[in-house]
Protein backbone atom coordinates (compact mmCIF):
# COMPACT_ATOMS: atom_id res chain seq x y z
CA MET A 1 -28.67 -111.17 -145.80
CA PRO A 2 -31.04 -112.96 -143.37
CA THR A 3 -29.46 -115.33 -140.87
CA ASP A 4 -31.19 -118.45 -142.24
CA ARG A 5 -30.11 -117.60 -145.81
CA ARG A 6 -26.54 -117.02 -144.72
CA THR A 7 -26.51 -120.35 -142.88
CA LEU A 8 -27.82 -122.05 -146.00
CA VAL A 9 -25.06 -120.56 -148.13
CA GLN A 10 -22.43 -121.56 -145.57
CA SER A 11 -23.80 -125.13 -145.51
CA ILE A 12 -23.77 -125.34 -149.30
CA VAL A 13 -20.21 -124.00 -149.50
CA GLY A 14 -19.12 -126.54 -146.87
CA LEU A 15 -20.79 -129.37 -148.76
CA VAL A 16 -19.24 -128.30 -152.07
CA LEU A 17 -15.77 -128.13 -150.50
CA GLY A 18 -16.35 -131.53 -148.90
CA THR A 19 -17.42 -132.96 -152.25
CA ILE A 20 -14.25 -131.63 -153.88
CA ALA A 21 -12.15 -133.22 -151.13
CA LEU A 22 -14.01 -136.50 -151.66
CA MET A 23 -13.32 -136.38 -155.40
CA VAL A 24 -9.60 -135.92 -154.65
CA VAL A 25 -9.72 -139.00 -152.43
CA ILE A 26 -11.48 -140.93 -155.20
CA ALA A 27 -8.76 -139.88 -157.66
CA PHE A 28 -6.12 -141.34 -155.33
CA ALA A 29 -8.24 -144.49 -155.03
CA LEU A 30 -8.36 -144.79 -158.82
CA LEU A 31 -4.57 -144.41 -159.00
CA ALA A 32 -4.07 -147.08 -156.33
CA GLY A 33 -6.49 -149.38 -158.15
CA GLU A 34 -4.64 -148.95 -161.46
CA GLN A 35 -1.32 -149.72 -159.78
CA THR A 36 -2.86 -152.84 -158.26
CA ARG A 37 -4.14 -153.97 -161.66
CA MET A 38 -0.74 -153.49 -163.31
CA ARG A 39 1.11 -155.28 -160.53
CA ALA A 40 -1.35 -158.18 -160.60
CA GLY A 41 -0.75 -158.52 -164.36
CA ALA A 42 3.03 -158.49 -163.90
CA LEU A 43 2.68 -161.10 -161.14
CA ASN A 44 0.69 -163.37 -163.46
CA MET A 45 3.37 -163.08 -166.16
CA ALA A 46 6.18 -163.88 -163.69
CA GLN A 47 4.22 -166.92 -162.52
CA ASP A 48 3.75 -168.03 -166.13
CA THR A 49 7.51 -167.78 -166.72
CA ARG A 50 8.25 -169.80 -163.57
CA LEU A 51 5.77 -172.50 -164.55
CA ALA A 52 7.08 -172.64 -168.14
CA ALA A 53 10.69 -173.16 -166.95
CA SER A 54 9.57 -175.88 -164.53
CA ALA A 55 7.50 -177.61 -167.22
CA LEU A 56 10.42 -177.61 -169.67
CA LEU A 57 12.81 -179.14 -167.14
CA ARG A 58 10.18 -181.67 -166.07
CA GLY A 59 9.69 -182.73 -169.71
CA MET A 60 13.40 -183.36 -170.16
CA VAL A 61 13.63 -185.30 -166.90
CA ASP A 62 10.64 -187.43 -167.92
CA ALA A 63 12.23 -188.16 -171.29
CA GLU A 64 15.48 -189.29 -169.65
CA THR A 65 13.56 -191.40 -167.12
CA GLY A 66 11.70 -193.16 -169.93
CA GLN A 67 15.00 -193.84 -171.73
CA ARG A 68 16.62 -195.34 -168.64
CA GLY A 69 13.61 -197.54 -167.94
CA TYR A 70 13.62 -198.85 -171.50
CA LEU A 71 17.37 -199.55 -171.43
CA LEU A 72 17.06 -201.51 -168.19
CA THR A 73 13.93 -203.51 -168.99
CA GLY A 74 13.53 -203.49 -172.74
CA ASP A 75 9.81 -202.83 -172.15
CA LYS A 76 8.52 -200.18 -174.62
CA LYS A 77 5.86 -198.94 -172.22
CA TYR A 78 8.68 -197.05 -170.47
CA LEU A 79 9.17 -195.02 -173.67
CA GLU A 80 5.82 -193.19 -173.29
CA PRO A 81 7.28 -190.10 -171.51
CA TYR A 82 10.25 -190.18 -173.90
CA ASN A 83 7.96 -190.23 -176.95
CA GLU A 84 5.79 -187.49 -175.52
CA ALA A 85 8.83 -185.27 -174.93
CA GLN A 86 9.72 -185.46 -178.65
CA PHE A 87 6.54 -183.47 -179.37
CA THR A 88 6.17 -181.22 -176.30
CA VAL A 89 9.68 -180.02 -175.45
CA SER A 90 9.91 -177.75 -178.48
CA ASP A 91 6.54 -176.12 -177.71
CA ARG A 92 7.49 -175.64 -174.07
CA LEU A 93 10.74 -173.98 -175.05
CA LYS A 94 8.87 -171.60 -177.37
CA GLY A 95 6.35 -170.87 -174.60
CA LEU A 96 9.15 -170.02 -172.16
CA GLU A 97 10.73 -167.67 -174.71
CA GLN A 98 7.37 -165.92 -175.29
CA ASP A 99 6.77 -165.53 -171.53
CA LEU A 100 10.19 -163.98 -171.03
CA ALA A 101 9.59 -161.60 -173.93
CA ALA A 102 6.18 -160.60 -172.51
CA GLU A 103 7.86 -159.71 -169.21
CA GLY A 104 10.57 -157.73 -170.98
CA GLN A 105 13.27 -160.14 -169.70
CA PRO A 106 16.25 -161.40 -171.74
CA SER A 107 14.86 -164.16 -173.95
CA ASP A 108 17.85 -165.47 -175.96
CA LEU A 109 17.52 -169.24 -175.42
CA HIS A 110 19.68 -170.29 -178.39
CA ALA A 111 22.27 -172.07 -176.23
CA LEU A 112 19.56 -173.80 -174.21
CA ASN A 113 17.86 -174.90 -177.43
CA ASN A 114 21.14 -176.46 -178.66
CA LEU A 115 21.63 -178.31 -175.36
CA ILE A 116 18.10 -179.70 -175.46
CA ALA A 117 18.51 -180.79 -179.08
CA GLU A 118 21.82 -182.49 -178.22
CA LYS A 119 20.25 -184.25 -175.22
CA LEU A 120 17.28 -185.48 -177.25
CA SER A 121 19.70 -186.74 -179.90
CA GLU A 122 21.70 -188.63 -177.25
CA LEU A 123 18.48 -190.20 -175.94
CA HIS A 124 17.42 -191.13 -179.46
CA GLN A 125 20.75 -192.82 -180.21
CA THR A 126 20.59 -195.05 -177.12
CA VAL A 127 16.97 -195.99 -177.75
CA SER A 128 17.78 -196.81 -181.39
CA LEU A 129 20.67 -199.09 -180.32
CA VAL A 130 18.39 -201.05 -177.98
CA GLU A 131 15.76 -201.37 -180.68
CA ALA A 132 18.51 -202.69 -183.01
CA GLY A 133 19.40 -205.33 -180.41
CA ASP A 134 22.67 -203.72 -179.26
CA SER A 135 21.85 -203.07 -175.58
CA ALA A 136 25.52 -203.26 -174.59
CA ALA A 137 26.44 -200.34 -176.84
CA ALA A 138 23.50 -198.35 -175.54
CA LEU A 139 24.53 -198.90 -171.92
CA ALA A 140 28.11 -197.96 -172.79
CA ARG A 141 26.89 -194.62 -174.13
CA VAL A 142 24.95 -194.02 -170.91
CA ARG A 143 28.00 -194.87 -168.76
CA ASP A 144 30.23 -192.31 -170.50
CA ASN A 145 28.32 -189.60 -168.51
CA ARG A 146 27.74 -187.45 -171.60
CA GLY A 147 23.98 -187.54 -171.02
CA LYS A 148 24.38 -186.54 -167.36
CA LEU A 149 26.62 -183.64 -168.28
CA LEU A 150 24.05 -182.42 -170.82
CA MET A 151 21.24 -182.55 -168.21
CA ASP A 152 23.40 -180.69 -165.70
CA ARG A 153 24.08 -177.95 -168.25
CA ILE A 154 20.32 -177.73 -169.10
CA ARG A 155 19.56 -177.35 -165.39
CA ASP A 156 22.25 -174.68 -165.09
CA ARG A 157 20.56 -172.73 -167.91
CA LEU A 158 17.03 -173.03 -166.49
CA GLN A 159 17.84 -172.42 -162.81
CA PRO A 160 18.71 -168.67 -163.17
CA ILE A 161 15.47 -168.16 -165.11
CA SER A 162 13.46 -169.81 -162.32
CA ASP A 163 15.33 -167.94 -159.56
CA ALA A 164 14.79 -164.58 -161.27
CA ALA A 165 11.08 -165.33 -161.70
CA ASP A 166 10.83 -166.24 -157.99
CA GLN A 167 12.43 -162.94 -157.02
CA ARG A 168 10.00 -161.01 -159.21
CA ILE A 169 7.06 -162.93 -157.71
CA MET A 170 8.14 -162.08 -154.16
CA LYS A 171 8.66 -158.39 -155.01
CA LEU A 172 5.33 -158.07 -156.84
CA THR A 173 3.45 -159.80 -154.02
CA GLY A 174 4.90 -157.30 -151.56
CA ASP A 175 3.97 -154.45 -153.90
CA LEU A 176 0.38 -155.76 -154.07
CA ALA A 177 0.20 -155.82 -150.26
CA PHE A 178 1.35 -152.18 -150.16
CA SER A 179 -1.23 -151.20 -152.79
CA ALA A 180 -3.94 -152.90 -150.74
CA LEU A 181 -2.89 -150.96 -147.63
CA MET A 182 -2.92 -147.66 -149.52
CA LEU A 183 -6.32 -148.43 -151.03
CA ARG A 184 -7.63 -149.25 -147.57
CA TYR A 185 -6.55 -145.90 -146.15
CA VAL A 186 -7.79 -143.95 -149.16
CA THR A 187 -11.18 -145.71 -149.17
CA GLY A 188 -11.54 -145.25 -145.42
CA THR A 189 -10.91 -141.52 -145.81
CA GLY A 190 -13.48 -141.39 -148.60
CA ALA A 191 -16.02 -143.24 -146.46
CA VAL A 192 -15.56 -140.77 -143.59
CA LEU A 193 -15.92 -137.80 -145.94
CA ALA A 194 -19.06 -139.29 -147.53
CA LEU A 195 -20.55 -139.91 -144.09
CA ILE A 196 -19.81 -136.34 -143.01
CA LEU A 197 -21.34 -134.94 -146.19
CA GLY A 198 -24.44 -137.12 -145.86
CA LEU A 199 -24.99 -136.22 -142.21
CA THR A 200 -24.42 -132.54 -142.97
CA SER A 201 -27.09 -132.71 -145.66
CA ILE A 202 -29.55 -134.39 -143.28
CA VAL A 203 -28.86 -131.89 -140.50
CA THR A 204 -29.34 -129.00 -142.91
CA VAL A 205 -32.63 -130.41 -144.23
CA ARG A 206 -33.94 -131.10 -140.73
CA ARG A 207 -32.98 -127.65 -139.49
CA TYR A 208 -34.87 -125.97 -142.28
CA LEU A 209 -37.86 -128.27 -141.85
CA ASN A 210 -37.94 -127.32 -138.17
CA ASP A 211 -37.64 -123.66 -139.12
CA LEU A 212 -40.55 -124.11 -141.49
CA ARG A 213 -42.77 -125.68 -138.83
CA THR A 214 -41.87 -122.90 -136.39
CA ALA A 215 -42.79 -120.30 -138.97
CA HIS A 216 -46.19 -121.94 -139.52
CA GLY A 217 -46.90 -121.83 -135.81
CA GLU A 218 -46.05 -118.14 -135.68
CA LEU A 219 -48.29 -117.42 -138.67
CA GLU A 220 -51.33 -118.88 -136.87
CA ALA A 221 -51.04 -116.16 -134.24
CA PHE A 222 -51.05 -113.30 -136.74
CA ASN A 223 -54.10 -111.17 -137.41
CA GLN A 224 -56.16 -111.91 -140.56
CA THR A 225 -55.05 -108.53 -141.92
CA LEU A 226 -51.50 -109.92 -142.23
CA GLU A 227 -52.43 -112.59 -144.82
CA GLN A 228 -50.02 -111.20 -147.41
CA ARG A 229 -47.11 -111.29 -144.97
CA VAL A 230 -48.02 -114.85 -143.98
CA ALA A 231 -48.19 -115.93 -147.63
CA ALA A 232 -44.81 -114.30 -148.41
CA ARG A 233 -43.15 -115.94 -145.40
CA THR A 234 -44.59 -119.37 -146.28
CA LEU A 235 -43.46 -119.06 -149.87
CA ALA A 236 -39.90 -118.13 -148.83
CA LEU A 237 -39.62 -121.05 -146.43
CA THR A 238 -41.08 -123.49 -148.96
CA ARG A 239 -38.55 -122.42 -151.56
CA ALA A 240 -35.72 -122.81 -149.04
CA ASN A 241 -36.97 -126.31 -148.17
CA GLU A 242 -37.16 -127.28 -151.85
CA GLU A 243 -33.67 -125.90 -152.45
CA ILE A 244 -32.23 -128.00 -149.61
CA GLN A 245 -34.06 -131.12 -150.84
CA ARG A 246 -32.73 -130.66 -154.36
CA PHE A 247 -29.22 -130.14 -153.06
CA ALA A 248 -29.44 -133.26 -150.85
CA TYR A 249 -30.58 -135.28 -153.87
CA ILE A 250 -27.78 -133.95 -156.12
CA VAL A 251 -25.05 -134.53 -153.52
CA SER A 252 -26.31 -138.05 -152.70
CA HIS A 253 -26.62 -138.96 -156.39
CA ASP A 254 -23.10 -137.72 -157.16
CA LEU A 255 -21.64 -139.68 -154.26
CA ARG A 256 -22.85 -142.96 -155.78
CA ALA A 257 -20.58 -142.76 -158.88
CA PRO A 258 -17.24 -142.78 -156.97
CA LEU A 259 -18.66 -145.42 -154.62
CA VAL A 260 -19.31 -147.74 -157.57
CA ASN A 261 -15.71 -147.19 -158.72
CA VAL A 262 -14.38 -148.13 -155.29
CA MET A 263 -16.47 -151.34 -155.36
CA GLY A 264 -15.14 -152.21 -158.81
CA PHE A 265 -11.49 -151.76 -157.86
CA THR A 266 -12.11 -153.77 -154.69
CA SER A 267 -13.22 -156.69 -156.87
CA GLU A 268 -10.01 -156.40 -158.93
CA LEU A 269 -7.97 -156.37 -155.75
CA GLU A 270 -9.86 -159.43 -154.52
CA HIS A 271 -9.06 -161.27 -157.77
CA GLY A 272 -5.35 -160.45 -157.45
CA LEU A 273 -5.39 -161.65 -153.83
CA ALA A 274 -7.01 -164.94 -154.84
CA VAL A 275 -4.24 -165.52 -157.40
CA CYS A 276 -1.57 -164.82 -154.76
CA GLN A 277 -3.20 -167.11 -152.18
CA ARG A 278 -3.51 -169.92 -154.72
CA GLU A 279 -0.15 -169.76 -156.46
CA ALA A 280 2.36 -168.28 -154.01
CA PRO A 281 2.69 -171.40 -151.75
CA LYS A 282 3.25 -173.65 -154.80
CA LEU A 283 5.74 -171.34 -156.47
CA MET A 284 7.80 -170.60 -153.38
CA GLY A 285 7.95 -174.24 -152.30
CA ALA A 286 9.81 -174.80 -149.07
CA THR A 287 10.59 -171.09 -148.77
CA TRP A 288 6.88 -170.44 -148.04
CA ASP A 289 7.16 -171.98 -144.55
CA LYS A 290 10.49 -170.35 -143.69
CA ALA A 291 11.39 -166.94 -142.33
CA GLU A 292 11.94 -165.62 -145.86
CA GLY A 293 8.27 -166.14 -146.68
CA ARG A 294 6.84 -164.82 -143.40
CA GLU A 295 6.14 -161.31 -144.72
CA MET A 296 4.47 -162.64 -147.84
CA ARG A 297 2.33 -165.10 -145.87
CA ALA A 298 1.18 -162.33 -143.55
CA ALA A 299 0.36 -160.09 -146.52
CA VAL A 300 -1.75 -162.58 -148.48
CA SER A 301 -3.44 -164.31 -145.52
CA GLU A 302 -4.02 -161.47 -143.04
CA GLU A 303 -3.28 -157.91 -144.14
CA MET A 304 -4.80 -157.95 -147.65
CA PRO A 305 -8.03 -159.85 -146.66
CA GLU A 306 -8.47 -157.49 -143.70
CA ALA A 307 -8.06 -154.46 -145.98
CA ILE A 308 -10.62 -155.82 -148.46
CA ASP A 309 -13.13 -156.59 -145.66
CA PHE A 310 -12.72 -153.04 -144.34
CA ILE A 311 -13.36 -151.60 -147.80
CA ARG A 312 -16.45 -153.79 -148.33
CA SER A 313 -17.90 -152.83 -144.92
CA SER A 314 -17.28 -149.11 -145.50
CA THR A 315 -18.82 -149.09 -148.98
CA ARG A 316 -21.92 -150.99 -147.79
CA ARG A 317 -22.41 -148.45 -144.99
CA MET A 318 -21.92 -145.56 -147.44
CA ASP A 319 -24.41 -147.10 -149.86
CA GLY A 320 -27.05 -147.44 -147.13
CA LEU A 321 -26.64 -143.82 -146.04
CA ILE A 322 -26.82 -142.55 -149.63
CA ASN A 323 -29.99 -144.57 -150.29
CA ALA A 324 -31.59 -143.12 -147.15
CA ILE A 325 -30.78 -139.56 -148.18
CA LEU A 326 -32.11 -140.16 -151.70
CA LYS A 327 -35.34 -141.69 -150.40
CA LEU A 328 -36.09 -138.76 -148.11
CA SER A 329 -35.23 -136.17 -150.74
CA ARG A 330 -37.45 -137.86 -153.37
CA GLU A 331 -40.40 -138.07 -150.97
CA GLY A 332 -40.02 -134.43 -150.01
CA ALA A 333 -40.18 -133.40 -153.67
CA ARG A 334 -43.29 -135.42 -154.56
CA VAL A 335 -46.51 -133.45 -155.09
CA LEU A 336 -49.33 -134.60 -152.80
CA ALA A 337 -52.59 -135.67 -154.49
CA PRO A 338 -55.61 -135.47 -152.13
CA GLU A 339 -58.49 -137.93 -152.77
CA PRO A 340 -61.29 -139.52 -150.72
CA ILE A 341 -59.98 -142.64 -148.93
CA ASP A 342 -61.85 -145.41 -147.11
CA LEU A 343 -59.53 -146.11 -144.17
CA ALA A 344 -61.09 -149.51 -143.41
CA THR A 345 -60.47 -150.70 -146.98
CA LEU A 346 -56.94 -149.30 -146.89
CA PHE A 347 -56.18 -151.26 -143.69
CA ASP A 348 -57.66 -154.45 -145.18
CA GLN A 349 -55.46 -154.09 -148.28
CA THR A 350 -52.35 -153.43 -146.21
CA VAL A 351 -52.94 -156.47 -143.99
CA SER A 352 -53.60 -158.64 -147.05
CA ALA A 353 -50.29 -157.56 -148.59
CA VAL A 354 -48.36 -158.97 -145.59
CA GLY A 355 -50.66 -161.96 -145.14
CA HIS A 356 -47.84 -164.50 -145.59
CA GLN A 357 -45.82 -162.91 -142.75
CA ILE A 358 -48.88 -162.83 -140.50
CA HIS A 359 -49.58 -166.50 -141.23
CA ASP A 360 -45.94 -167.62 -140.80
CA LYS A 361 -45.57 -165.88 -137.44
CA GLY A 362 -49.06 -166.70 -136.17
CA VAL A 363 -50.02 -163.08 -135.54
CA GLU A 364 -53.63 -162.07 -134.76
CA VAL A 365 -54.59 -158.83 -136.54
CA LEU A 366 -57.79 -156.98 -135.56
CA ILE A 367 -59.17 -154.07 -137.61
CA HIS A 368 -61.87 -152.26 -135.59
CA LYS A 369 -64.61 -150.97 -137.87
CA PRO A 370 -66.23 -148.69 -138.87
CA MET A 371 -63.55 -146.10 -139.59
CA PRO A 372 -64.07 -142.49 -140.71
CA ASP A 373 -63.36 -141.41 -144.27
CA ILE A 374 -60.51 -139.02 -144.96
CA VAL A 375 -59.37 -136.85 -147.88
CA SER A 376 -55.59 -137.19 -148.12
CA ASP A 377 -52.73 -138.50 -150.24
CA ARG A 378 -53.27 -142.23 -150.80
CA LEU A 379 -49.64 -143.17 -151.46
CA ALA A 380 -48.41 -141.42 -148.32
CA LEU A 381 -51.10 -143.07 -146.15
CA GLU A 382 -50.31 -146.50 -147.62
CA GLN A 383 -46.63 -146.04 -146.75
CA ILE A 384 -47.43 -144.81 -143.21
CA ILE A 385 -49.83 -147.63 -142.32
CA GLY A 386 -47.79 -150.29 -144.14
CA ASN A 387 -44.60 -149.32 -142.32
CA LEU A 388 -46.24 -149.33 -138.86
CA ILE A 389 -47.98 -152.70 -139.37
CA ASP A 390 -44.80 -154.21 -140.80
CA ASN A 391 -42.85 -153.01 -137.74
CA ALA A 392 -45.50 -154.44 -135.40
CA ILE A 393 -45.18 -157.85 -137.09
CA LYS A 394 -41.38 -157.66 -137.28
CA TYR A 395 -40.69 -156.78 -133.63
CA LEU A 396 -42.78 -159.44 -131.87
CA SER A 397 -42.08 -160.68 -128.37
CA PRO A 398 -40.87 -164.30 -128.36
CA SER A 399 -42.63 -164.89 -125.03
CA ARG A 400 -46.24 -164.69 -126.33
CA PRO A 401 -48.36 -164.92 -129.50
CA GLY A 402 -48.37 -161.72 -131.52
CA ARG A 403 -51.42 -159.45 -131.57
CA VAL A 404 -51.92 -156.24 -133.59
CA ALA A 405 -55.00 -154.02 -133.39
CA ALA A 406 -55.90 -150.93 -135.43
CA ARG A 407 -58.66 -148.36 -134.94
CA ALA A 408 -59.53 -144.91 -136.27
CA PHE A 409 -61.95 -142.26 -134.98
CA LEU A 410 -62.76 -138.55 -135.12
CA GLN A 411 -61.55 -136.19 -132.42
CA SER A 412 -61.96 -132.40 -132.51
CA GLY A 413 -62.55 -132.49 -136.26
CA GLN A 414 -59.38 -134.51 -136.92
CA VAL A 415 -58.83 -138.18 -137.73
CA VAL A 416 -56.96 -140.19 -135.10
CA ILE A 417 -55.40 -143.53 -136.13
CA GLU A 418 -54.06 -145.91 -133.48
CA ILE A 419 -52.02 -149.07 -134.17
CA GLN A 420 -51.37 -151.18 -131.09
CA ASP A 421 -49.20 -154.29 -130.63
CA ASN A 422 -48.06 -156.54 -127.80
CA GLY A 423 -44.46 -156.84 -129.03
CA ARG A 424 -41.11 -156.02 -127.46
CA GLY A 425 -41.95 -152.42 -126.67
CA VAL A 426 -39.57 -149.46 -126.49
CA ALA A 427 -37.66 -148.16 -123.47
CA ALA A 428 -38.78 -144.76 -122.12
CA ASN A 429 -35.50 -143.03 -123.05
CA ASP A 430 -35.82 -144.25 -126.66
CA LEU A 431 -39.41 -143.13 -127.35
CA GLN A 432 -38.39 -140.06 -129.32
CA ARG A 433 -35.11 -141.41 -130.64
CA ILE A 434 -36.88 -144.05 -132.73
CA PHE A 435 -38.26 -141.25 -134.95
CA GLU A 436 -34.79 -139.86 -135.62
CA LEU A 437 -32.94 -140.63 -138.84
CA PHE A 438 -30.46 -143.55 -138.61
CA ARG A 439 -31.39 -144.20 -134.95
CA ARG A 440 -32.63 -147.62 -133.86
CA ALA A 441 -33.61 -148.86 -130.40
CA GLY A 442 -33.42 -152.27 -128.71
CA ALA A 443 -31.78 -155.42 -130.08
CA GLN A 444 -30.35 -154.91 -133.59
CA ASP A 445 -31.47 -158.30 -134.93
CA GLN A 446 -33.53 -157.04 -137.89
CA PRO A 447 -32.20 -155.59 -141.17
CA GLY A 448 -32.55 -151.87 -141.86
CA GLU A 449 -30.80 -148.51 -141.85
CA GLY A 450 -32.99 -146.82 -139.21
CA ILE A 451 -35.03 -144.66 -141.59
CA GLY A 452 -38.48 -146.35 -141.40
CA LEU A 453 -40.04 -144.36 -138.56
CA ALA A 454 -38.18 -141.19 -139.55
CA HIS A 455 -39.77 -141.58 -142.99
CA VAL A 456 -43.21 -142.18 -141.40
CA ARG A 457 -42.95 -139.05 -139.28
CA ALA A 458 -41.84 -137.00 -142.31
CA LEU A 459 -44.86 -138.27 -144.29
CA VAL A 460 -47.31 -137.63 -141.43
CA ARG A 461 -46.08 -134.09 -141.08
CA ARG A 462 -46.30 -133.51 -144.83
CA LEU A 463 -49.96 -134.51 -144.54
CA GLY A 464 -50.42 -131.82 -141.88
CA GLY A 465 -50.46 -134.13 -138.87
CA ASP A 466 -48.24 -135.56 -136.17
CA ILE A 467 -47.31 -138.95 -134.70
CA ASP A 468 -46.45 -140.09 -131.20
CA VAL A 469 -45.90 -143.39 -129.41
CA ASP A 470 -46.72 -144.81 -126.01
CA SER A 471 -44.75 -147.93 -125.13
CA GLN A 472 -43.47 -150.15 -122.35
CA THR A 473 -40.66 -152.67 -122.61
CA ASP A 474 -41.96 -156.25 -123.07
CA VAL A 475 -45.57 -155.01 -122.94
CA GLY A 476 -46.13 -153.42 -126.32
CA SER A 477 -46.50 -150.13 -128.18
CA THR A 478 -49.32 -147.88 -129.41
CA PHE A 479 -48.59 -145.50 -132.27
CA ARG A 480 -51.02 -142.58 -132.50
CA ILE A 481 -51.35 -140.52 -135.69
CA VAL A 482 -53.41 -137.32 -135.86
CA LEU A 483 -54.32 -136.05 -139.34
CA PRO A 484 -56.61 -133.34 -140.72
CA ARG A 485 -59.78 -134.89 -142.12
CA GLN A 486 -59.16 -133.03 -145.37
CA LEU A 487 -55.66 -132.41 -146.69
CA GLY A 488 -55.07 -128.64 -146.79
CA ALA A 489 -57.30 -127.88 -143.78
CA ASN A 490 -54.30 -127.76 -141.45
CA PRO A 491 -51.67 -125.02 -141.72
CA GLN A 492 -48.95 -127.64 -141.13
CA GLU A 493 -49.71 -129.40 -144.38
CA ASN A 494 -46.79 -129.84 -146.76
CA GLY A 495 -44.36 -128.72 -144.05
């Protein structure tokens, strides 16, 4: 087996094993997400139970307060909370029973129901006596402490329900914090694996592209009698390149599905966190600011938000890398379509397309004409010129008005295109790095993943040419593209 073929197989095996490992990580992430969802649901039910118990007790207290106010003043406006309780207490008791049943907690509230009915009856009797004009008898009933004893017994029935709900809330909040931590570690591991797989794919593609260019150079030195050998070698390398491009596309496409799942479970985790942050301080009351609530406060205000931010940042980075791999693999698979192109018209159209940016930034753009005609792939040339002009406008120097100039001419039977700007420029040690995938030079104050110039160089080389740059920091840059005048006339074409 040839060395390059064996290396390819080893790379594919490594990528497949890495993909399997990533899928295992995603499975753990799904499990952690499901646990988070279930715990968030249980937390909501415990909170509902706590609120229902509080609302029931508050309704009874309001009813008693209204009764006392009416007994003391004889003013019926004090009976409003009492009258309201006649209609709402029963519904609140039923709601509490339903919430307890939904949680799977003991829900036999028969004794509590009897106490509430007895208390409401006692309130009704005193109110009726006042309405009949016998205030003294009503006050005597209040002074016998029967009503107070009933309220104390109602509180004694409701307090254990509230305390148990509080304990469940604290436990579930801690469980949610643990789930968030686990999801953070699992997602981080997945992000690292995805990054390794993506970079491995890129390195493999670049290595075989370099091998292909080297092979073309060697073929030029062969004698014309070796045409069949040259054709066979070119065909083998082309097939290897296509195989790597297809594999990069498949791997990158398959990575997107688990990434979407991670994003979805992150949103569920975020929703659960929002519920905790909103309700926990109210439900815990004074305990929230004491030592008992310190762990919960740290979980919902620091640890869980930090975990979610880490997940969001990792998934965004993964998504950018996957998009870059997909873009390069798609471009490498596209069939070139040579056609006659008027370079001057192409430059005019490109400048017109970014006219609003040129106007907003006050950039002067000069297109030196005439320009030679060329037979090449229109879409590739549009992307090359558009990307370089867009970069020239984007990376202006703040110390002077922007100026961009473009020219094209024939040299040794080839078309040379130069695009010059007076922008920030590039440091000498970064001149070649700017053409590398995911590498950016200078201040990182513009959006992007670092694939623009790498994409341009890949397109130029597919058209059978090459690109270079001459630049000085804070002076400007000149990008120089050399292309065959007719696509197919250069042995490098489609490399």
